[in-house]
Amino acid sequence: MKQASIESLYREIVLLSDTERNSLYNRIKQDFYQNNEIIAYTTNGEALTLEQYRKRINAGIEQCIRAESIGLKELTKELGYHYADL
């Protein structure tokens, strides 16, 4: 597939009807906001977008693959809980 130049892309957008152009703008705007809306929060209250959330999930998966994770007993000890209480 040939990559369109900025000029040819601009020409194509200019040739669209008002309805088609508005539809295109709305789809671009919707996609932008969907990718930048807050979908989760960290335990510290930091807001995460979908992209940030996915990066954190993938980083966690990579840690597990490299065996850099800890067990439940170790985690509860770090958090100050007693494993038996859970």
C-alpha atoms as a PDB file:
ATOM      1  CA  MET A   1       0.000   0.000   0.000  1.00  0.00           C
ATOM      2  CA  LYS A   2       1.409   3.375  -1.006  1.00  0.00           C
ATOM      3  CA  GLN A   3       1.770   5.891   1.799  1.00  0.00           C
ATOM      4  CA  ALA A   4      -0.098   9.106   1.081  1.00  0.00           C
ATOM      5  CA  SER A   5       1.776  12.374   1.188  1.00  0.00           C
ATOM      6  CA  ILE A   6       0.462  15.160   3.392  1.00  0.00           C
ATOM      7  CA  GLU A   7      -0.476  17.165   0.299  1.00  0.00           C
ATOM      8  CA  SER A   8      -2.460  14.351  -1.280  1.00  0.00           C
ATOM      9  CA  LEU A   9      -4.171  13.613   2.020  1.00  0.00           C
ATOM     10  CA  TYR A  10      -5.093  17.291   2.365  1.00  0.00           C
ATOM     11  CA  ARG A  11      -6.479  17.311  -1.203  1.00  0.00           C
ATOM     12  CA  GLU A  12      -8.601  14.247  -0.433  1.00  0.00           C
ATOM     13  CA  ILE A  13     -10.020  15.847   2.725  1.00  0.00           C
ATOM     14  CA  VAL A  14     -10.807  19.081   0.866  1.00  0.00           C
ATOM     15  CA  LEU A  15     -12.712  17.106  -1.784  1.00  0.00           C
ATOM     16  CA  LEU A  16     -14.976  15.473   0.810  1.00  0.00           C
ATOM     17  CA  SER A  17     -18.498  16.747   1.192  1.00  0.00           C
ATOM     18  CA  ASP A  18     -19.315  18.661   4.394  1.00  0.00           C
ATOM     19  CA  THR A  19     -21.089  15.597   5.786  1.00  0.00           C
ATOM     20  CA  GLU A  20     -18.181  13.282   4.982  1.00  0.00           C
ATOM     21  CA  ARG A  21     -15.660  15.764   6.419  1.00  0.00           C
ATOM     22  CA  ASN A  22     -17.656  16.158   9.642  1.00  0.00           C
ATOM     23  CA  SER A  23     -17.925  12.395   9.943  1.00  0.00           C
ATOM     24  CA  LEU A  24     -14.158  12.042   9.504  1.00  0.00           C
ATOM     25  CA  TYR A  25     -13.441  14.745  12.109  1.00  0.00           C
ATOM     26  CA  ASN A  26     -15.842  13.142  14.572  1.00  0.00           C
ATOM     27  CA  ARG A  27     -14.218   9.717  14.151  1.00  0.00           C
ATOM     28  CA  ILE A  28     -10.734  11.191  14.675  1.00  0.00           C
ATOM     29  CA  LYS A  29     -11.924  13.138  17.722  1.00  0.00           C
ATOM     30  CA  GLN A  30     -13.693  10.096  19.187  1.00  0.00           C
ATOM     31  CA  ASP A  31     -10.612   7.910  18.701  1.00  0.00           C
ATOM     32  CA  PHE A  32      -8.383  10.548  20.332  1.00  0.00           C
ATOM     33  CA  TYR A  33     -10.584  10.870  23.402  1.00  0.00           C
ATOM     34  CA  GLN A  34     -11.049   7.120  23.768  1.00  0.00           C
ATOM     35  CA  ASN A  35      -7.293   6.628  23.863  1.00  0.00           C
ATOM     36  CA  ASN A  36      -6.775   9.494  26.325  1.00  0.00           C
ATOM     37  CA  GLU A  37      -9.664   9.019  28.712  1.00  0.00           C
ATOM     38  CA  ILE A  38      -8.954   7.845  32.236  1.00  0.00           C
ATOM     39  CA  ILE A  39      -9.897   4.191  32.659  1.00  0.00           C
ATOM     40  CA  ALA A  40      -8.148   3.242  35.902  1.00  0.00           C
ATOM     41  CA  TYR A  41      -6.254   4.511  38.915  1.00  0.00           C
ATOM     42  CA  THR A  42      -3.121   3.226  40.607  1.00  0.00           C
ATOM     43  CA  THR A  43      -3.113   2.369  44.299  1.00  0.00           C
ATOM     44  CA  ASN A  44      -1.571   5.804  44.842  1.00  0.00           C
ATOM     45  CA  GLY A  45      -4.462   7.505  43.022  1.00  0.00           C
ATOM     46  CA  GLU A  46      -2.597   8.220  39.777  1.00  0.00           C
ATOM     47  CA  ALA A  47      -4.972   8.364  36.813  1.00  0.00           C
ATOM     48  CA  LEU A  48      -4.183   5.992  33.932  1.00  0.00           C
ATOM     49  CA  THR A  49      -5.249   6.159  30.301  1.00  0.00           C
ATOM     50  CA  LEU A  50      -5.835   2.959  28.347  1.00  0.00           C
ATOM     51  CA  GLU A  51      -2.349   3.181  26.846  1.00  0.00           C
ATOM     52  CA  GLN A  52      -0.705   3.685  30.266  1.00  0.00           C
ATOM     53  CA  TYR A  53      -2.778   0.866  31.750  1.00  0.00           C
ATOM     54  CA  ARG A  54      -1.753  -1.538  28.987  1.00  0.00           C
ATOM     55  CA  LYS A  55       1.930  -0.604  29.432  1.00  0.00           C
ATOM     56  CA  ARG A  56       1.719  -1.393  33.150  1.00  0.00           C
ATOM     57  CA  ILE A  57      -0.037  -4.704  32.507  1.00  0.00           C
ATOM     58  CA  ASN A  58       2.560  -5.689  29.915  1.00  0.00           C
ATOM     59  CA  ALA A  59       5.380  -4.699  32.283  1.00  0.00           C
ATOM     60  CA  GLY A  60       3.845  -6.958  34.942  1.00  0.00           C
ATOM     61  CA  ILE A  61       3.588  -9.844  32.516  1.00  0.00           C
ATOM     62  CA  GLU A  62       7.237  -9.345  31.551  1.00  0.00           C
ATOM     63  CA  GLN A  63       8.217  -9.399  35.241  1.00  0.00           C
ATOM     64  CA  CYS A  64       6.410 -12.716  35.669  1.00  0.00           C
ATOM     65  CA  ILE A  65       8.126 -14.153  32.598  1.00  0.00           C
ATOM     66  CA  ARG A  66      11.509 -13.135  34.046  1.00  0.00           C
ATOM     67  CA  ALA A  67      10.482 -14.658  37.409  1.00  0.00           C
ATOM     68  CA  GLU A  68      10.731 -11.256  39.107  1.00  0.00           C
ATOM     69  CA  SER A  69       7.426 -11.630  40.925  1.00  0.00           C
ATOM     70  CA  ILE A  70       6.872 -12.478  44.577  1.00  0.00           C
ATOM     71  CA  GLY A  71       4.478 -14.911  46.179  1.00  0.00           C
ATOM     72  CA  LEU A  72       1.379 -14.095  48.200  1.00  0.00           C
ATOM     73  CA  LYS A  73       3.128 -14.800  51.513  1.00  0.00           C
ATOM     74  CA  GLU A  74       5.926 -12.363  50.662  1.00  0.00           C
ATOM     75  CA  LEU A  75       3.455  -9.751  49.475  1.00  0.00           C
ATOM     76  CA  THR A  76       1.359  -9.902  52.633  1.00  0.00           C
ATOM     77  CA  LYS A  77       4.529  -9.614  54.713  1.00  0.00           C
ATOM     78  CA  GLU A  78       5.579  -6.490  52.744  1.00  0.00           C
ATOM     79  CA  LEU A  79       2.129  -4.965  53.232  1.00  0.00           C
ATOM     80  CA  GLY A  80       2.118  -5.712  56.955  1.00  0.00           C
ATOM     81  CA  TYR A  81      -0.558  -8.388  56.941  1.00  0.00           C
ATOM     82  CA  HIS A  82      -0.427 -11.900  58.299  1.00  0.00           C
ATOM     83  CA  TYR A  83      -0.870 -14.514  55.609  1.00  0.00           C
ATOM     84  CA  ALA A  84      -3.058 -16.656  57.902  1.00  0.00           C
ATOM     85  CA  ASP A  85      -5.467 -13.712  58.410  1.00  0.00           C
ATOM     86  CA  LEU A  86      -6.300 -13.647  54.724  1.00  0.00           C
END
